[in-house]
Amino acid sequence: MLTEFFSMNDTDEDPKELNLLYKEFPEYFVWSSSDKFWARRQKRCAIGRIVTFHPTEGERYYLRLLLMHVRGPTSYKDLLTVDGEPCSTFRESVEKRGLLHCDNNLIECMSEAASYQMP
């Protein structure tokens, strides 16, 4: 689903124009699990959820953090590039983007866990 999201942002005009975050994508597109692609949503009713990762899970957590804050990424390489400079890890990319300077991300993580009633 994620790599197809990247592909859509790279090649399809609708996602390019909308410039969406990964969490906003299901509002406009629906995933076809049998055909493995995103199709334009016909109705505006959407239920979507992004897998939650604990901050101790390292790169998974930082990838999720990037997906929650970077609009219209076209690849993993795009997420790892900050101001034209490539980063070697998602954590480095998150740090360069200034996403770790406050505790809001940890509060959001806990709020999501509470809303899904996850430990």
PDB file of N, CA and C in Angstrom:
ATOM      1  N   MET A   1       0.828  -1.190   0.000  1.00  0.00           N
ATOM      2  CA  MET A   1       0.000   0.000   0.000  1.00  0.00           C
ATOM      3  C   MET A   1       0.877   1.260   0.000  1.00  0.00           C
ATOM      4  N   LEU A   2       1.947   1.218   0.774  1.00  0.00           N
ATOM      5  CA  LEU A   2       2.813   2.387   0.873  1.00  0.00           C
ATOM      6  C   LEU A   2       3.547   2.653  -0.438  1.00  0.00           C
ATOM      7  N   THR A   3       4.099   1.607  -1.038  1.00  0.00           N
ATOM      8  CA  THR A   3       4.826   1.829  -2.288  1.00  0.00           C
ATOM      9  C   THR A   3       3.886   2.263  -3.412  1.00  0.00           C
ATOM     10  N   GLU A   4       2.670   1.791  -3.389  1.00  0.00           N
ATOM     11  CA  GLU A   4       1.689   2.246  -4.382  1.00  0.00           C
ATOM     12  C   GLU A   4       1.287   3.697  -4.113  1.00  0.00           C
ATOM     13  N   PHE A   5       1.234   4.088  -2.845  1.00  0.00           N
ATOM     14  CA  PHE A   5       1.008   5.492  -2.476  1.00  0.00           C
ATOM     15  C   PHE A   5       2.110   6.370  -3.074  1.00  0.00           C
ATOM     16  N   PHE A   6       3.368   5.926  -2.937  1.00  0.00           N
ATOM     17  CA  PHE A   6       4.488   6.652  -3.527  1.00  0.00           C
ATOM     18  C   PHE A   6       4.317   6.761  -5.042  1.00  0.00           C
ATOM     19  N   SER A   7       3.981   5.647  -5.674  1.00  0.00           N
ATOM     20  CA  SER A   7       3.818   5.611  -7.123  1.00  0.00           C
ATOM     21  C   SER A   7       2.709   6.560  -7.585  1.00  0.00           C
ATOM     22  N   MET A   8       1.606   6.570  -6.863  1.00  0.00           N
ATOM     23  CA  MET A   8       0.499   7.474  -7.202  1.00  0.00           C
ATOM     24  C   MET A   8       0.941   8.928  -7.105  1.00  0.00           C
ATOM     25  N   ASN A   9       1.685   9.272  -6.058  1.00  0.00           N
ATOM     26  CA  ASN A   9       2.167  10.647  -5.896  1.00  0.00           C
ATOM     27  C   ASN A   9       3.141  11.037  -7.005  1.00  0.00           C
ATOM     28  N   ASP A  10       3.822  10.037  -7.557  1.00  0.00           N
ATOM     29  CA  ASP A  10       4.821  10.298  -8.592  1.00  0.00           C
ATOM     30  C   ASP A  10       4.215  10.402  -9.986  1.00  0.00           C
ATOM     31  N   THR A  11       3.169   9.597 -10.263  1.00  0.00           N
ATOM     32  CA  THR A  11       2.683   9.495 -11.635  1.00  0.00           C
ATOM     33  C   THR A  11       1.268  10.010 -11.875  1.00  0.00           C
ATOM     34  N   ASP A  12       0.415   9.985 -10.882  1.00  0.00           N
ATOM     35  CA  ASP A  12      -0.993  10.348 -11.067  1.00  0.00           C
ATOM     36  C   ASP A  12      -1.218  11.830 -10.747  1.00  0.00           C
ATOM     37  N   GLU A  13      -1.941  12.525 -11.601  1.00  0.00           N
ATOM     38  CA  GLU A  13      -2.158  13.967 -11.435  1.00  0.00           C
ATOM     39  C   GLU A  13      -3.037  14.320 -10.224  1.00  0.00           C
ATOM     40  N   ASP A  14      -4.043  13.482  -9.919  1.00  0.00           N
ATOM     41  CA  ASP A  14      -4.928  13.778  -8.777  1.00  0.00           C
ATOM     42  C   ASP A  14      -4.160  13.870  -7.459  1.00  0.00           C
ATOM     43  N   PRO A  15      -3.388  12.849  -7.091  1.00  0.00           N
ATOM     44  CA  PRO A  15      -2.627  12.944  -5.840  1.00  0.00           C
ATOM     45  C   PRO A  15      -1.591  14.078  -5.859  1.00  0.00           C
ATOM     46  N   LYS A  16      -0.980  14.309  -7.015  1.00  0.00           N
ATOM     47  CA  LYS A  16      -0.010  15.408  -7.115  1.00  0.00           C
ATOM     48  C   LYS A  16      -0.675  16.735  -6.781  1.00  0.00           C
ATOM     49  N   GLU A  17      -1.868  16.929  -7.342  1.00  0.00           N
ATOM     50  CA  GLU A  17      -2.604  18.173  -7.118  1.00  0.00           C
ATOM     51  C   GLU A  17      -3.076  18.299  -5.671  1.00  0.00           C
ATOM     52  N   LEU A  18      -3.525  17.185  -5.081  1.00  0.00           N
ATOM     53  CA  LEU A  18      -4.031  17.201  -3.704  1.00  0.00           C
ATOM     54  C   LEU A  18      -2.911  17.343  -2.678  1.00  0.00           C
ATOM     55  N   ASN A  19      -1.706  16.812  -3.001  1.00  0.00           N
ATOM     56  CA  ASN A  19      -0.539  16.914  -2.115  1.00  0.00           C
ATOM     57  C   ASN A  19      -0.873  16.449  -0.690  1.00  0.00           C
ATOM     58  N   LEU A  20      -1.228  15.188  -0.566  1.00  0.00           N
ATOM     59  CA  LEU A  20      -1.757  14.634   0.682  1.00  0.00           C
ATOM     60  C   LEU A  20      -0.696  14.000   1.567  1.00  0.00           C
ATOM     61  N   LEU A  21      -1.007  13.971   2.859  1.00  0.00           N
ATOM     62  CA  LEU A  21      -0.266  13.147   3.806  1.00  0.00           C
ATOM     63  C   LEU A  21      -0.775  11.715   3.661  1.00  0.00           C
ATOM     64  N   TYR A  22       0.021  10.758   4.084  1.00  0.00           N
ATOM     65  CA  TYR A  22      -0.388   9.350   3.985  1.00  0.00           C
ATOM     66  C   TYR A  22      -1.692   9.101   4.745  1.00  0.00           C
ATOM     67  N   LYS A  23      -1.861   9.740   5.884  1.00  0.00           N
ATOM     68  CA  LYS A  23      -3.079   9.530   6.675  1.00  0.00           C
ATOM     69  C   LYS A  23      -4.312  10.154   6.018  1.00  0.00           C
ATOM     70  N   GLU A  24      -4.128  11.126   5.118  1.00  0.00           N
ATOM     71  CA  GLU A  24      -5.249  11.775   4.428  1.00  0.00           C
ATOM     72  C   GLU A  24      -5.648  11.028   3.142  1.00  0.00           C
ATOM     73  N   PHE A  25      -4.777  10.188   2.641  1.00  0.00           N
ATOM     74  CA  PHE A  25      -4.987   9.513   1.358  1.00  0.00           C
ATOM     75  C   PHE A  25      -6.299   8.729   1.288  1.00  0.00           C
ATOM     76  N   PRO A  26      -6.692   7.977   2.330  1.00  0.00           N
ATOM     77  CA  PRO A  26      -7.956   7.217   2.260  1.00  0.00           C
ATOM     78  C   PRO A  26      -9.212   8.079   2.165  1.00  0.00           C
ATOM     79  N   GLU A  27      -9.105   9.375   2.411  1.00  0.00           N
ATOM     80  CA  GLU A  27     -10.260  10.254   2.246  1.00  0.00           C
ATOM     81  C   GLU A  27     -10.614  10.418   0.764  1.00  0.00           C
ATOM     82  N   TYR A  28      -9.642  10.263  -0.118  1.00  0.00           N
ATOM     83  CA  TYR A  28      -9.829  10.490  -1.544  1.00  0.00           C
ATOM     84  C   TYR A  28      -9.659   9.237  -2.402  1.00  0.00           C
ATOM     85  N   PHE A  29      -8.987   8.229  -1.839  1.00  0.00           N
ATOM     86  CA  PHE A  29      -8.711   7.002  -2.589  1.00  0.00           C
ATOM     87  C   PHE A  29      -9.022   5.789  -1.719  1.00  0.00           C
ATOM     88  N   VAL A  30      -9.397   4.698  -2.389  1.00  0.00           N
ATOM     89  CA  VAL A  30      -9.709   3.456  -1.677  1.00  0.00           C
ATOM     90  C   VAL A  30      -8.759   2.367  -2.180  1.00  0.00           C
ATOM     91  N   TRP A  31      -8.281   1.520  -1.259  1.00  0.00           N
ATOM     92  CA  TRP A  31      -7.339   0.457  -1.600  1.00  0.00           C
ATOM     93  C   TRP A  31      -8.085  -0.774  -2.075  1.00  0.00           C
ATOM     94  N   SER A  32      -7.723  -1.270  -3.226  1.00  0.00           N
ATOM     95  CA  SER A  32      -8.270  -2.525  -3.741  1.00  0.00           C
ATOM     96  C   SER A  32      -7.288  -3.630  -3.383  1.00  0.00           C
ATOM     97  N   SER A  33      -7.625  -4.434  -2.386  1.00  0.00           N
ATOM     98  CA  SER A  33      -6.700  -5.473  -1.935  1.00  0.00           C
ATOM     99  C   SER A  33      -6.547  -6.599  -2.959  1.00  0.00           C
ATOM    100  N   SER A  34      -7.559  -6.840  -3.761  1.00  0.00           N
ATOM    101  CA  SER A  34      -7.445  -7.899  -4.772  1.00  0.00           C
ATOM    102  C   SER A  34      -6.551  -7.477  -5.941  1.00  0.00           C
ATOM    103  N   ASP A  35      -6.620  -6.199  -6.336  1.00  0.00           N
ATOM    104  CA  ASP A  35      -5.842  -5.720  -7.479  1.00  0.00           C
ATOM    105  C   ASP A  35      -4.586  -4.954  -7.083  1.00  0.00           C
ATOM    106  N   LYS A  36      -4.427  -4.688  -5.794  1.00  0.00           N
ATOM    107  CA  LYS A  36      -3.230  -4.024  -5.251  1.00  0.00           C
ATOM    108  C   LYS A  36      -2.993  -2.634  -5.844  1.00  0.00           C
ATOM    109  N   PHE A  37      -4.035  -1.779  -5.814  1.00  0.00           N
ATOM    110  CA  PHE A  37      -3.858  -0.400  -6.252  1.00  0.00           C
ATOM    111  C   PHE A  37      -4.866   0.503  -5.548  1.00  0.00           C
ATOM    112  N   TRP A  38      -4.572   1.811  -5.562  1.00  0.00           N
ATOM    113  CA  TRP A  38      -5.462   2.818  -5.018  1.00  0.00           C
ATOM    114  C   TRP A  38      -6.362   3.321  -6.143  1.00  0.00           C
ATOM    115  N   ALA A  39      -7.667   3.367  -5.908  1.00  0.00           N
ATOM    116  CA  ALA A  39      -8.626   3.893  -6.879  1.00  0.00           C
ATOM    117  C   ALA A  39      -9.299   5.128  -6.293  1.00  0.00           C
ATOM    118  N   ARG A  40      -9.683   6.041  -7.138  1.00  0.00           N
ATOM    119  CA  ARG A  40     -10.358   7.264  -6.698  1.00  0.00           C
ATOM    120  C   ARG A  40     -11.637   6.878  -5.960  1.00  0.00           C
ATOM    121  N   ARG A  41     -11.840   7.434  -4.787  1.00  0.00           N
ATOM    122  CA  ARG A  41     -13.014   7.129  -3.957  1.00  0.00           C
ATOM    123  C   ARG A  41     -14.257   7.769  -4.577  1.00  0.00           C
ATOM    124  N   GLN A  42     -15.344   7.001  -4.688  1.00  0.00           N
ATOM    125  CA  GLN A  42     -16.598   7.508  -5.248  1.00  0.00           C
ATOM    126  C   GLN A  42     -17.473   8.169  -4.185  1.00  0.00           C
ATOM    127  N   LYS A  43     -17.415   7.618  -2.967  1.00  0.00           N
ATOM    128  CA  LYS A  43     -18.180   8.180  -1.850  1.00  0.00           C
ATOM    129  C   LYS A  43     -17.198   8.798  -0.874  1.00  0.00           C
ATOM    130  N   ARG A  44     -17.607   9.777  -0.122  1.00  0.00           N
ATOM    131  CA  ARG A  44     -16.713  10.484   0.791  1.00  0.00           C
ATOM    132  C   ARG A  44     -16.679   9.896   2.198  1.00  0.00           C
ATOM    133  N   CYS A  45     -17.130   8.679   2.367  1.00  0.00           N
ATOM    134  CA  CYS A  45     -17.075   8.032   3.669  1.00  0.00           C
ATOM    135  C   CYS A  45     -15.814   7.180   3.724  1.00  0.00           C
ATOM    136  N   ALA A  46     -14.924   7.482   4.657  1.00  0.00           N
ATOM    137  CA  ALA A  46     -13.655   6.751   4.708  1.00  0.00           C
ATOM    138  C   ALA A  46     -13.318   6.346   6.126  1.00  0.00           C
ATOM    139  N   ILE A  47     -12.834   5.129   6.237  1.00  0.00           N
ATOM    140  CA  ILE A  47     -12.300   4.645   7.506  1.00  0.00           C
ATOM    141  C   ILE A  47     -10.894   4.167   7.207  1.00  0.00           C
ATOM    142  N   GLY A  48      -9.929   4.757   7.860  1.00  0.00           N
ATOM    143  CA  GLY A  48      -8.548   4.362   7.622  1.00  0.00           C
ATOM    144  C   GLY A  48      -7.747   4.451   8.903  1.00  0.00           C
ATOM    145  N   ARG A  49      -6.672   3.682   8.945  1.00  0.00           N
ATOM    146  CA  ARG A  49      -5.820   3.704  10.125  1.00  0.00           C
ATOM    147  C   ARG A  49      -4.411   3.356   9.699  1.00  0.00           C
ATOM    148  N   ILE A  50      -3.475   4.080  10.236  1.00  0.00           N
ATOM    149  CA  ILE A  50      -2.070   3.795   9.981  1.00  0.00           C
ATOM    150  C   ILE A  50      -1.549   3.019  11.175  1.00  0.00           C
ATOM    151  N   VAL A  51      -0.783   1.993  10.915  1.00  0.00           N
ATOM    152  CA  VAL A  51      -0.231   1.163  11.982  1.00  0.00           C
ATOM    153  C   VAL A  51       0.569   2.039  12.938  1.00  0.00           C
ATOM    154  N   THR A  52       0.354   1.831  14.218  1.00  0.00           N
ATOM    155  CA  THR A  52       1.052   2.598  15.247  1.00  0.00           C
ATOM    156  C   THR A  52       2.318   1.869  15.678  1.00  0.00           C
ATOM    157  N   PHE A  53       3.391   2.635  15.844  1.00  0.00           N
ATOM    158  CA  PHE A  53       4.654   2.079  16.324  1.00  0.00           C
ATOM    159  C   PHE A  53       5.103   2.859  17.540  1.00  0.00           C
ATOM    160  N   HIS A  54       5.656   2.157  18.498  1.00  0.00           N
ATOM    161  CA  HIS A  54       6.190   2.775  19.704  1.00  0.00           C
ATOM    162  C   HIS A  54       7.531   3.423  19.373  1.00  0.00           C
ATOM    163  N   PRO A  55       7.870   4.538  20.011  1.00  0.00           N
ATOM    164  CA  PRO A  55       9.161   5.198  19.746  1.00  0.00           C
ATOM    165  C   PRO A  55      10.387   4.295  19.919  1.00  0.00           C
ATOM    166  N   THR A  56      10.272   3.243  20.705  1.00  0.00           N
ATOM    167  CA  THR A  56      11.425   2.349  20.886  1.00  0.00           C
ATOM    168  C   THR A  56      11.646   1.436  19.670  1.00  0.00           C
ATOM    169  N   GLU A  57      10.709   1.442  18.714  1.00  0.00           N
ATOM    170  CA  GLU A  57      10.848   0.595  17.533  1.00  0.00           C
ATOM    171  C   GLU A  57      11.742   1.217  16.463  1.00  0.00           C
ATOM    172  N   GLY A  58      12.344   2.330  16.782  1.00  0.00           N
ATOM    173  CA  GLY A  58      13.363   2.917  15.918  1.00  0.00           C
ATOM    174  C   GLY A  58      12.879   3.379  14.564  1.00  0.00           C
ATOM    175  N   GLU A  59      13.498   2.836  13.510  1.00  0.00           N
ATOM    176  CA  GLU A  59      13.255   3.310  12.149  1.00  0.00           C
ATOM    177  C   GLU A  59      11.787   3.210  11.729  1.00  0.00           C
ATOM    178  N   ARG A  60      11.072   2.202  12.200  1.00  0.00           N
ATOM    179  CA  ARG A  60       9.634   2.103  11.889  1.00  0.00           C
ATOM    180  C   ARG A  60       8.896   3.319  12.425  1.00  0.00           C
ATOM    181  N   TYR A  61       9.204   3.691  13.651  1.00  0.00           N
ATOM    182  CA  TYR A  61       8.567   4.855  14.268  1.00  0.00           C
ATOM    183  C   TYR A  61       8.899   6.123  13.482  1.00  0.00           C
ATOM    184  N   TYR A  62      10.157   6.285  13.098  1.00  0.00           N
ATOM    185  CA  TYR A  62      10.566   7.497  12.388  1.00  0.00           C
ATOM    186  C   TYR A  62       9.979   7.540  10.980  1.00  0.00           C
ATOM    187  N   LEU A  63       9.851   6.396  10.324  1.00  0.00           N
ATOM    188  CA  LEU A  63       9.195   6.355   9.019  1.00  0.00           C
ATOM    189  C   LEU A  63       7.749   6.792   9.154  1.00  0.00           C
ATOM    190  N   ARG A  64       7.058   6.279  10.154  1.00  0.00           N
ATOM    191  CA  ARG A  64       5.664   6.667  10.384  1.00  0.00           C
ATOM    192  C   ARG A  64       5.555   8.163  10.666  1.00  0.00           C
ATOM    193  N   LEU A  65       6.483   8.690  11.454  1.00  0.00           N
ATOM    194  CA  LEU A  65       6.498  10.112  11.770  1.00  0.00           C
ATOM    195  C   LEU A  65       6.659  10.948  10.499  1.00  0.00           C
ATOM    196  N   LEU A  66       7.528  10.522   9.614  1.00  0.00           N
ATOM    197  CA  LEU A  66       7.702  11.225   8.338  1.00  0.00           C
ATOM    198  C   LEU A  66       6.430  11.167   7.501  1.00  0.00           C
ATOM    199  N   LEU A  67       5.795  10.000   7.453  1.00  0.00           N
ATOM    200  CA  LEU A  67       4.563   9.862   6.680  1.00  0.00           C
ATOM    201  C   LEU A  67       3.441  10.737   7.231  1.00  0.00           C
ATOM    202  N   MET A  68       3.483  11.024   8.514  1.00  0.00           N
ATOM    203  CA  MET A  68       2.465  11.875   9.137  1.00  0.00           C
ATOM    204  C   MET A  68       2.731  13.367   8.910  1.00  0.00           C
ATOM    205  N   HIS A  69       3.937  13.725   8.428  1.00  0.00           N
ATOM    206  CA  HIS A  69       4.289  15.146   8.299  1.00  0.00           C
ATOM    207  C   HIS A  69       4.762  15.580   6.916  1.00  0.00           C
ATOM    208  N   VAL A  70       5.123  14.653   6.053  1.00  0.00           N
ATOM    209  CA  VAL A  70       5.639  15.007   4.724  1.00  0.00           C
ATOM    210  C   VAL A  70       4.533  14.811   3.696  1.00  0.00           C
ATOM    211  N   ARG A  71       4.199  15.864   2.983  1.00  0.00           N
ATOM    212  CA  ARG A  71       3.130  15.811   1.986  1.00  0.00           C
ATOM    213  C   ARG A  71       3.642  15.329   0.636  1.00  0.00           C
ATOM    214  N   GLY A  72       2.891  14.412   0.029  1.00  0.00           N
ATOM    215  CA  GLY A  72       3.145  13.944  -1.318  1.00  0.00           C
ATOM    216  C   GLY A  72       4.486  13.300  -1.596  1.00  0.00           C
ATOM    217  N   PRO A  73       5.018  12.465  -0.690  1.00  0.00           N
ATOM    218  CA  PRO A  73       6.310  11.832  -0.991  1.00  0.00           C
ATOM    219  C   PRO A  73       6.174  10.854  -2.155  1.00  0.00           C
ATOM    220  N   THR A  74       7.250  10.724  -2.932  1.00  0.00           N
ATOM    221  CA  THR A  74       7.213   9.849  -4.109  1.00  0.00           C
ATOM    222  C   THR A  74       8.051   8.587  -3.935  1.00  0.00           C
ATOM    223  N   SER A  75       8.815   8.504  -2.837  1.00  0.00           N
ATOM    224  CA  SER A  75       9.651   7.324  -2.595  1.00  0.00           C
ATOM    225  C   SER A  75      10.246   7.401  -1.189  1.00  0.00           C
ATOM    226  N   TYR A  76      10.888   6.307  -0.789  1.00  0.00           N
ATOM    227  CA  TYR A  76      11.624   6.321   0.478  1.00  0.00           C
ATOM    228  C   TYR A  76      12.761   7.339   0.385  1.00  0.00           C
ATOM    229  N   LYS A  77      13.392   7.391  -0.782  1.00  0.00           N
ATOM    230  CA  LYS A  77      14.487   8.342  -0.999  1.00  0.00           C
ATOM    231  C   LYS A  77      14.002   9.775  -0.810  1.00  0.00           C
ATOM    232  N   ASP A  78      12.791  10.055  -1.259  1.00  0.00           N
ATOM    233  CA  ASP A  78      12.196  11.383  -1.085  1.00  0.00           C
ATOM    234  C   ASP A  78      12.036  11.708   0.403  1.00  0.00           C
ATOM    235  N   LEU A  79      11.609  10.726   1.193  1.00  0.00           N
ATOM    236  CA  LEU A  79      11.468  10.937   2.636  1.00  0.00           C
ATOM    237  C   LEU A  79      12.826  11.135   3.312  1.00  0.00           C
ATOM    238  N   LEU A  80      13.857  10.523   2.739  1.00  0.00           N
ATOM    239  CA  LEU A  80      15.204  10.618   3.310  1.00  0.00           C
ATOM    240  C   LEU A  80      15.970  11.847   2.833  1.00  0.00           C
ATOM    241  N   THR A  81      15.370  12.667   1.983  1.00  0.00           N
ATOM    242  CA  THR A  81      16.022  13.873   1.476  1.00  0.00           C
ATOM    243  C   THR A  81      15.433  15.098   2.142  1.00  0.00           C
ATOM    244  N   VAL A  82      16.304  15.914   2.756  1.00  0.00           N
ATOM    245  CA  VAL A  82      15.878  17.134   3.439  1.00  0.00           C
ATOM    246  C   VAL A  82      16.667  18.298   2.853  1.00  0.00           C
ATOM    247  N   ASP A  83      15.953  19.259   2.272  1.00  0.00           N
ATOM    248  CA  ASP A  83      16.586  20.425   1.642  1.00  0.00           C
ATOM    249  C   ASP A  83      17.663  20.020   0.645  1.00  0.00           C
ATOM    250  N   GLY A  84      17.384  18.978  -0.132  1.00  0.00           N
ATOM    251  CA  GLY A  84      18.315  18.513  -1.150  1.00  0.00           C
ATOM    252  C   GLY A  84      19.458  17.653  -0.652  1.00  0.00           C
ATOM    253  N   GLU A  85      19.558  17.475   0.653  1.00  0.00           N
ATOM    254  CA  GLU A  85      20.630  16.660   1.233  1.00  0.00           C
ATOM    255  C   GLU A  85      20.087  15.280   1.616  1.00  0.00           C
ATOM    256  N   PRO A  86      20.719  14.213   1.140  1.00  0.00           N
ATOM    257  CA  PRO A  86      20.261  12.871   1.506  1.00  0.00           C
ATOM    258  C   PRO A  86      20.657  12.509   2.941  1.00  0.00           C
ATOM    259  N   CYS A  87      19.762  11.821   3.604  1.00  0.00           N
ATOM    260  CA  CYS A  87      20.028  11.319   4.958  1.00  0.00           C
ATOM    261  C   CYS A  87      20.203   9.805   4.869  1.00  0.00           C
ATOM    262  N   SER A  88      20.929   9.244   5.810  1.00  0.00           N
ATOM    263  CA  SER A  88      21.161   7.798   5.779  1.00  0.00           C
ATOM    264  C   SER A  88      20.090   7.017   6.542  1.00  0.00           C
ATOM    265  N   THR A  89      19.367   7.668   7.449  1.00  0.00           N
ATOM    266  CA  THR A  89      18.327   6.982   8.213  1.00  0.00           C
ATOM    267  C   THR A  89      17.087   7.866   8.312  1.00  0.00           C
ATOM    268  N   PHE A  90      15.951   7.233   8.621  1.00  0.00           N
ATOM    269  CA  PHE A  90      14.720   7.997   8.814  1.00  0.00           C
ATOM    270  C   PHE A  90      14.847   8.897  10.038  1.00  0.00           C
ATOM    271  N   ARG A  91      15.554   8.426  11.053  1.00  0.00           N
ATOM    272  CA  ARG A  91      15.747   9.243  12.249  1.00  0.00           C
ATOM    273  C   ARG A  91      16.485  10.534  11.907  1.00  0.00           C
ATOM    274  N   GLU A  92      17.530  10.425  11.118  1.00  0.00           N
ATOM    275  CA  GLU A  92      18.288  11.607  10.723  1.00  0.00           C
ATOM    276  C   GLU A  92      17.395  12.582   9.949  1.00  0.00           C
ATOM    277  N   SER A  93      16.550  12.045   9.068  1.00  0.00           N
ATOM    278  CA  SER A  93      15.625  12.882   8.307  1.00  0.00           C
ATOM    279  C   SER A  93      14.635  13.589   9.225  1.00  0.00           C
ATOM    280  N   VAL A  94      14.113  12.853  10.209  1.00  0.00           N
ATOM    281  CA  VAL A  94      13.180  13.429  11.183  1.00  0.00           C
ATOM    282  C   VAL A  94      13.863  14.540  11.982  1.00  0.00           C
ATOM    283  N   GLU A  95      15.099  14.289  12.410  1.00  0.00           N
ATOM    284  CA  GLU A  95      15.839  15.284  13.185  1.00  0.00           C
ATOM    285  C   GLU A  95      16.094  16.549  12.366  1.00  0.00           C
ATOM    286  N   LYS A  96      16.511  16.383  11.101  1.00  0.00           N
ATOM    287  CA  LYS A  96      16.791  17.538  10.245  1.00  0.00           C
ATOM    288  C   LYS A  96      15.536  18.340   9.936  1.00  0.00           C
ATOM    289  N   ARG A  97      14.397  17.681   9.945  1.00  0.00           N
ATOM    290  CA  ARG A  97      13.132  18.377   9.706  1.00  0.00           C
ATOM    291  C   ARG A  97      12.603  19.046  10.971  1.00  0.00           C
ATOM    292  N   GLY A  98      13.255  18.798  12.098  1.00  0.00           N
ATOM    293  CA  GLY A  98      12.848  19.416  13.355  1.00  0.00           C
ATOM    294  C   GLY A  98      11.611  18.812  13.974  1.00  0.00           C
ATOM    295  N   LEU A  99      11.327  17.558  13.660  1.00  0.00           N
ATOM    296  CA  LEU A  99      10.117  16.922  14.182  1.00  0.00           C
ATOM    297  C   LEU A  99      10.288  16.347  15.584  1.00  0.00           C
ATOM    298  N   LEU A 100      11.492  16.379  16.129  1.00  0.00           N
ATOM    299  CA  LEU A 100      11.728  15.832  17.466  1.00  0.00           C
ATOM    300  C   LEU A 100      11.980  16.910  18.520  1.00  0.00           C
ATOM    301  N   HIS A 101      11.775  18.165  18.167  1.00  0.00           N
ATOM    302  CA  HIS A 101      12.085  19.250  19.096  1.00  0.00           C
ATOM    303  C   HIS A 101      11.050  19.442  20.193  1.00  0.00           C
ATOM    304  N   CYS A 102       9.924  18.769  20.082  1.00  0.00           N
ATOM    305  CA  CYS A 102       8.907  18.904  21.125  1.00  0.00           C
ATOM    306  C   CYS A 102       8.333  17.522  21.427  1.00  0.00           C
ATOM    307  N   ASP A 103       7.528  17.448  22.454  1.00  0.00           N
ATOM    308  CA  ASP A 103       6.949  16.178  22.878  1.00  0.00           C
ATOM    309  C   ASP A 103       5.600  15.890  22.212  1.00  0.00           C
ATOM    310  N   ASN A 104       5.173  16.735  21.274  1.00  0.00           N
ATOM    311  CA  ASN A 104       3.863  16.532  20.647  1.00  0.00           C
ATOM    312  C   ASN A 104       3.745  15.167  19.994  1.00  0.00           C
ATOM    313  N   ASN A 105       4.819  14.664  19.395  1.00  0.00           N
ATOM    314  CA  ASN A 105       4.765  13.371  18.725  1.00  0.00           C
ATOM    315  C   ASN A 105       4.497  12.249  19.718  1.00  0.00           C
ATOM    316  N   LEU A 106       5.108  12.322  20.891  1.00  0.00           N
ATOM    317  CA  LEU A 106       4.867  11.302  21.913  1.00  0.00           C
ATOM    318  C   LEU A 106       3.441  11.403  22.451  1.00  0.00           C
ATOM    319  N   ILE A 107       2.952  12.619  22.603  1.00  0.00           N
ATOM    320  CA  ILE A 107       1.576  12.819  23.072  1.00  0.00           C
ATOM    321  C   ILE A 107       0.600  12.277  22.042  1.00  0.00           C
ATOM    322  N   GLU A 108       0.851  12.550  20.733  1.00  0.00           N
ATOM    323  CA  GLU A 108      -0.001  12.014  19.671  1.00  0.00           C
ATOM    324  C   GLU A 108       0.016  10.494  19.677  1.00  0.00           C
ATOM    325  N   CYS A 109       1.185   9.915  19.875  1.00  0.00           N
ATOM    326  CA  CYS A 109       1.326   8.454  19.919  1.00  0.00           C
ATOM    327  C   CYS A 109       0.477   7.873  21.049  1.00  0.00           C
ATOM    328  N   MET A 110       0.544   8.476  22.219  1.00  0.00           N
ATOM    329  CA  MET A 110      -0.224   7.993  23.363  1.00  0.00           C
ATOM    330  C   MET A 110      -1.724   8.196  23.149  1.00  0.00           C
ATOM    331  N   SER A 111      -2.102   9.331  22.553  1.00  0.00           N
ATOM    332  CA  SER A 111      -3.519   9.596  22.272  1.00  0.00           C
ATOM    333  C   SER A 111      -4.084   8.569  21.305  1.00  0.00           C
ATOM    334  N   GLU A 112      -3.313   8.238  20.270  1.00  0.00           N
ATOM    335  CA  GLU A 112      -3.764   7.219  19.319  1.00  0.00           C
ATOM    336  C   GLU A 112      -3.917   5.869  20.005  1.00  0.00           C
ATOM    337  N   ALA A 113      -2.935   5.507  20.817  1.00  0.00           N
ATOM    338  CA  ALA A 113      -3.002   4.230  21.527  1.00  0.00           C
ATOM    339  C   ALA A 113      -4.234   4.183  22.429  1.00  0.00           C
ATOM    340  N   ALA A 114      -4.538   5.288  23.081  1.00  0.00           N
ATOM    341  CA  ALA A 114      -5.726   5.347  23.955  1.00  0.00           C
ATOM    342  C   ALA A 114      -7.007   5.237  23.136  1.00  0.00           C
ATOM    343  N   SER A 115      -7.063   5.913  21.977  1.00  0.00           N
ATOM    344  CA  SER A 115      -8.274   5.885  21.171  1.00  0.00           C
ATOM    345  C   SER A 115      -8.530   4.502  20.579  1.00  0.00           C
ATOM    346  N   TYR A 116      -7.445   3.756  20.280  1.00  0.00           N
ATOM    347  CA  TYR A 116      -7.593   2.390  19.766  1.00  0.00           C
ATOM    348  C   TYR A 116      -7.624   1.364  20.882  1.00  0.00           C
ATOM    349  N   GLN A 117      -7.468   1.836  22.125  1.00  0.00           N
ATOM    350  CA  GLN A 117      -7.423   1.002  23.324  1.00  0.00           C
ATOM    351  C   GLN A 117      -6.338  -0.048  23.207  1.00  0.00           C
ATOM    352  N   MET A 118      -5.170   0.410  22.768  1.00  0.00           N
ATOM    353  CA  MET A 118      -3.990  -0.451  22.662  1.00  0.00           C
ATOM    354  C   MET A 118      -3.094  -0.181  23.861  1.00  0.00           C
ATOM    355  N   PRO A 119      -2.367  -1.175  24.335  1.00  0.00           N
ATOM    356  CA  PRO A 119      -1.490  -0.943  25.489  1.00  0.00           C
ATOM    357  C   PRO A 119      -0.270  -0.121  25.086  1.00  0.00           C
TER     358      PRO A 119
END
